Amino acid sequence: MGWLSWIVFGALAGWIASLVVRDRRGCIMNIIVGILGAVLAGFIYQWTTGKAWTYEWSWSSFGVACLGAIGLLLVINLIAGGSRSRR
């Protein structure tokens, strides 16, 4: 995937994560959380399963990216105290 695809993929994963966690940090934060969550979840997936992670569009990779973004957003809320998500 190209850089634009990564941004769109991260934005979608971050948006889904913000809906699940009910967080309102904004579009740019959603993109950042989505991309970082996807990369972290990809490394964890590869480490736990031993399978090579392919960085291309598929429903399974989108699911892993969403789970990674949700996990990362939960960690951010724990560290930040969740004060911004309750506005």
N, C-alpha and C. Protein backbone atom coordinates (compact mmCIF):
# COMPACT_ATOMS: atom_id res chain seq x y z
N MET A 1 0.84 -1.18 0.00
CA MET A 1 0.00 0.00 0.00
C MET A 1 0.88 1.24 0.00
N GLY A 2 0.41 2.27 -0.65
CA GLY A 2 1.12 3.54 -0.67
C GLY A 2 0.79 4.36 0.56
N TRP A 3 1.44 5.51 0.68
CA TRP A 3 1.23 6.38 1.84
C TRP A 3 -0.21 6.86 1.96
N LEU A 4 -0.81 7.20 0.85
CA LEU A 4 -2.21 7.65 0.89
C LEU A 4 -3.12 6.53 1.36
N SER A 5 -2.86 5.32 0.90
CA SER A 5 -3.65 4.17 1.35
C SER A 5 -3.49 3.94 2.84
N TRP A 6 -2.26 4.10 3.36
CA TRP A 6 -2.03 3.95 4.80
C TRP A 6 -2.81 4.98 5.59
N ILE A 7 -2.88 6.21 5.09
CA ILE A 7 -3.62 7.26 5.80
C ILE A 7 -5.11 6.95 5.80
N VAL A 8 -5.64 6.53 4.66
CA VAL A 8 -7.07 6.19 4.59
C VAL A 8 -7.37 4.97 5.46
N PHE A 9 -6.53 3.95 5.37
CA PHE A 9 -6.69 2.73 6.18
C PHE A 9 -6.63 3.07 7.67
N GLY A 10 -5.66 3.90 8.06
CA GLY A 10 -5.53 4.32 9.45
C GLY A 10 -6.69 5.17 9.91
N ALA A 11 -7.17 6.04 9.03
CA ALA A 11 -8.32 6.88 9.38
C ALA A 11 -9.56 6.03 9.63
N LEU A 12 -9.78 5.04 8.78
CA LEU A 12 -10.95 4.16 8.97
C LEU A 12 -10.82 3.34 10.24
N ALA A 13 -9.66 2.76 10.48
CA ALA A 13 -9.46 1.97 11.69
C ALA A 13 -9.56 2.85 12.94
N GLY A 14 -8.99 4.04 12.89
CA GLY A 14 -9.08 4.96 14.03
C GLY A 14 -10.50 5.45 14.27
N TRP A 15 -11.25 5.67 13.19
CA TRP A 15 -12.63 6.10 13.33
C TRP A 15 -13.47 5.01 13.97
N ILE A 16 -13.30 3.76 13.51
CA ILE A 16 -14.02 2.63 14.12
C ILE A 16 -13.65 2.51 15.59
N ALA A 17 -12.36 2.65 15.90
CA ALA A 17 -11.92 2.56 17.29
C ALA A 17 -12.53 3.66 18.14
N SER A 18 -12.61 4.88 17.60
CA SER A 18 -13.19 5.98 18.38
C SER A 18 -14.68 5.77 18.60
N LEU A 19 -15.36 5.12 17.66
CA LEU A 19 -16.78 4.80 17.86
C LEU A 19 -16.96 3.75 18.94
N VAL A 20 -16.10 2.73 18.93
CA VAL A 20 -16.21 1.65 19.92
C VAL A 20 -15.89 2.17 21.32
N VAL A 21 -14.82 2.96 21.44
CA VAL A 21 -14.38 3.46 22.74
C VAL A 21 -15.15 4.71 23.15
N ARG A 22 -15.88 5.30 22.21
CA ARG A 22 -16.62 6.54 22.42
C ARG A 22 -15.69 7.68 22.80
N ASP A 23 -14.69 7.85 21.98
CA ASP A 23 -13.68 8.88 22.20
C ASP A 23 -13.81 9.94 21.11
N ARG A 24 -13.62 11.19 21.48
CA ARG A 24 -13.75 12.30 20.52
C ARG A 24 -12.48 13.14 20.50
N ARG A 25 -11.43 12.59 19.94
CA ARG A 25 -10.16 13.31 19.89
C ARG A 25 -9.95 14.02 18.57
N GLY A 26 -10.70 13.72 17.54
CA GLY A 26 -10.58 14.41 16.26
C GLY A 26 -10.01 13.53 15.17
N CYS A 27 -10.13 14.01 13.96
CA CYS A 27 -9.76 13.25 12.77
C CYS A 27 -8.27 12.94 12.71
N ILE A 28 -7.43 13.92 12.98
CA ILE A 28 -5.98 13.72 12.91
C ILE A 28 -5.54 12.69 13.94
N MET A 29 -6.08 12.77 15.15
CA MET A 29 -5.73 11.80 16.18
C MET A 29 -6.23 10.41 15.79
N ASN A 30 -7.40 10.33 15.16
CA ASN A 30 -7.90 9.04 14.68
C ASN A 30 -6.95 8.42 13.67
N ILE A 31 -6.44 9.22 12.77
CA ILE A 31 -5.50 8.72 11.76
C ILE A 31 -4.22 8.21 12.43
N ILE A 32 -3.69 8.99 13.35
CA ILE A 32 -2.45 8.61 14.03
C ILE A 32 -2.65 7.34 14.84
N VAL A 33 -3.74 7.29 15.63
CA VAL A 33 -4.02 6.12 16.44
C VAL A 33 -4.27 4.91 15.54
N GLY A 34 -4.98 5.10 14.45
CA GLY A 34 -5.27 4.00 13.53
C GLY A 34 -4.01 3.43 12.90
N ILE A 35 -3.12 4.28 12.42
CA ILE A 35 -1.89 3.81 11.79
C ILE A 35 -0.98 3.13 12.81
N LEU A 36 -0.76 3.78 13.96
CA LEU A 36 0.09 3.18 14.98
C LEU A 36 -0.51 1.89 15.53
N GLY A 37 -1.82 1.88 15.73
CA GLY A 37 -2.48 0.67 16.20
C GLY A 37 -2.37 -0.47 15.21
N ALA A 38 -2.49 -0.16 13.93
CA ALA A 38 -2.37 -1.19 12.89
C ALA A 38 -0.96 -1.77 12.85
N VAL A 39 0.04 -0.91 12.96
CA VAL A 39 1.42 -1.38 12.93
C VAL A 39 1.73 -2.22 14.16
N LEU A 40 1.33 -1.75 15.34
CA LEU A 40 1.56 -2.51 16.57
C LEU A 40 0.83 -3.85 16.55
N ALA A 41 -0.42 -3.84 16.12
CA ALA A 41 -1.18 -5.08 16.06
C ALA A 41 -0.58 -6.03 15.03
N GLY A 42 -0.05 -5.49 13.92
CA GLY A 42 0.61 -6.33 12.93
C GLY A 42 1.84 -7.03 13.50
N PHE A 43 2.64 -6.29 14.27
CA PHE A 43 3.81 -6.91 14.91
C PHE A 43 3.39 -7.96 15.92
N ILE A 44 2.38 -7.67 16.73
CA ILE A 44 1.90 -8.63 17.72
C ILE A 44 1.33 -9.87 17.03
N TYR A 45 0.57 -9.66 15.96
CA TYR A 45 0.02 -10.78 15.19
C TYR A 45 1.14 -11.67 14.66
N GLN A 46 2.15 -11.06 14.08
CA GLN A 46 3.27 -11.83 13.52
C GLN A 46 4.03 -12.56 14.61
N TRP A 47 4.22 -11.92 15.74
CA TRP A 47 4.96 -12.51 16.85
C TRP A 47 4.21 -13.70 17.46
N THR A 48 2.89 -13.57 17.62
CA THR A 48 2.13 -14.64 18.27
C THR A 48 1.80 -15.81 17.35
N THR A 49 1.57 -15.54 16.07
CA THR A 49 1.19 -16.62 15.16
C THR A 49 2.37 -17.20 14.39
N GLY A 50 3.44 -16.44 14.25
CA GLY A 50 4.58 -16.89 13.47
C GLY A 50 4.38 -16.73 11.97
N LYS A 51 3.24 -16.21 11.56
CA LYS A 51 2.95 -15.98 10.15
C LYS A 51 3.46 -14.61 9.74
N ALA A 52 3.91 -14.52 8.50
CA ALA A 52 4.36 -13.23 7.99
C ALA A 52 3.16 -12.31 7.81
N TRP A 53 3.31 -11.08 8.23
CA TRP A 53 2.23 -10.09 8.12
C TRP A 53 2.34 -9.38 6.78
N THR A 54 1.26 -9.38 6.02
CA THR A 54 1.25 -8.68 4.74
C THR A 54 0.56 -7.35 4.94
N TYR A 55 1.20 -6.30 4.50
CA TYR A 55 0.64 -4.96 4.66
C TYR A 55 -0.13 -4.59 3.41
N GLU A 56 -1.23 -5.26 3.21
CA GLU A 56 -2.10 -4.95 2.08
C GLU A 56 -3.54 -5.04 2.54
N TRP A 57 -4.45 -4.55 1.72
CA TRP A 57 -5.86 -4.49 2.10
C TRP A 57 -6.49 -5.87 2.10
N SER A 58 -7.10 -6.23 3.21
CA SER A 58 -7.94 -7.41 3.34
C SER A 58 -8.80 -7.21 4.58
N TRP A 59 -9.88 -7.95 4.68
CA TRP A 59 -10.77 -7.79 5.83
C TRP A 59 -10.08 -8.22 7.12
N SER A 60 -9.25 -9.26 7.03
CA SER A 60 -8.55 -9.70 8.24
C SER A 60 -7.55 -8.64 8.72
N SER A 61 -6.83 -8.02 7.78
CA SER A 61 -5.89 -6.98 8.19
C SER A 61 -6.63 -5.75 8.72
N PHE A 62 -7.80 -5.45 8.16
CA PHE A 62 -8.59 -4.34 8.68
C PHE A 62 -9.09 -4.64 10.09
N GLY A 63 -9.50 -5.87 10.33
CA GLY A 63 -9.92 -6.27 11.68
C GLY A 63 -8.80 -6.17 12.69
N VAL A 64 -7.61 -6.63 12.30
CA VAL A 64 -6.45 -6.53 13.19
C VAL A 64 -6.10 -5.07 13.44
N ALA A 65 -6.19 -4.25 12.39
CA ALA A 65 -5.90 -2.81 12.54
C ALA A 65 -6.89 -2.15 13.49
N CYS A 66 -8.16 -2.50 13.38
CA CYS A 66 -9.18 -1.93 14.28
C CYS A 66 -8.93 -2.37 15.72
N LEU A 67 -8.61 -3.65 15.92
CA LEU A 67 -8.32 -4.12 17.27
C LEU A 67 -7.09 -3.42 17.84
N GLY A 68 -6.08 -3.22 17.01
CA GLY A 68 -4.89 -2.50 17.47
C GLY A 68 -5.20 -1.06 17.82
N ALA A 69 -6.02 -0.41 17.01
CA ALA A 69 -6.39 0.99 17.28
C ALA A 69 -7.24 1.09 18.54
N ILE A 70 -8.14 0.14 18.74
CA ILE A 70 -8.96 0.13 19.96
C ILE A 70 -8.06 -0.04 21.18
N GLY A 71 -7.14 -0.99 21.11
CA GLY A 71 -6.22 -1.21 22.23
C GLY A 71 -5.37 0.00 22.52
N LEU A 72 -4.84 0.61 21.48
CA LEU A 72 -4.01 1.80 21.66
C LEU A 72 -4.82 2.96 22.22
N LEU A 73 -6.04 3.13 21.77
CA LEU A 73 -6.90 4.20 22.28
C LEU A 73 -7.25 3.97 23.75
N LEU A 74 -7.47 2.72 24.13
CA LEU A 74 -7.72 2.42 25.54
C LEU A 74 -6.50 2.74 26.41
N VAL A 75 -5.31 2.42 25.91
CA VAL A 75 -4.09 2.73 26.65
C VAL A 75 -3.91 4.24 26.77
N ILE A 76 -4.17 4.96 25.69
CA ILE A 76 -4.06 6.43 25.73
C ILE A 76 -5.04 7.00 26.75
N ASN A 77 -6.26 6.47 26.77
CA ASN A 77 -7.25 6.95 27.74
C ASN A 77 -6.85 6.62 29.17
N LEU A 78 -6.22 5.47 29.39
CA LEU A 78 -5.75 5.14 30.73
C LEU A 78 -4.65 6.09 31.18
N ILE A 79 -3.72 6.38 30.27
CA ILE A 79 -2.61 7.27 30.62
C ILE A 79 -3.10 8.70 30.81
N ALA A 80 -3.98 9.16 29.91
CA ALA A 80 -4.47 10.54 29.98
C ALA A 80 -5.60 10.70 30.99
N GLY A 81 -6.04 9.63 31.58
CA GLY A 81 -7.10 9.72 32.56
C GLY A 81 -8.49 9.76 31.95
N GLY A 82 -8.59 9.66 30.65
CA GLY A 82 -9.87 9.64 29.98
C GLY A 82 -10.65 10.95 30.05
N SER A 83 -9.98 12.03 30.41
CA SER A 83 -10.69 13.29 30.60
C SER A 83 -11.24 13.86 29.31
N ARG A 84 -10.56 13.65 28.18
CA ARG A 84 -11.02 14.22 26.92
C ARG A 84 -12.18 13.44 26.33
N SER A 85 -12.30 12.15 26.68
CA SER A 85 -13.36 11.35 26.09
C SER A 85 -14.71 11.59 26.75
N ARG A 86 -14.75 12.29 27.86
CA ARG A 86 -16.01 12.50 28.58
C ARG A 86 -16.62 13.86 28.32
N ARG A 87 -16.11 14.60 27.39
CA ARG A 87 -16.64 15.93 27.11
C ARG A 87 -18.02 15.87 26.54
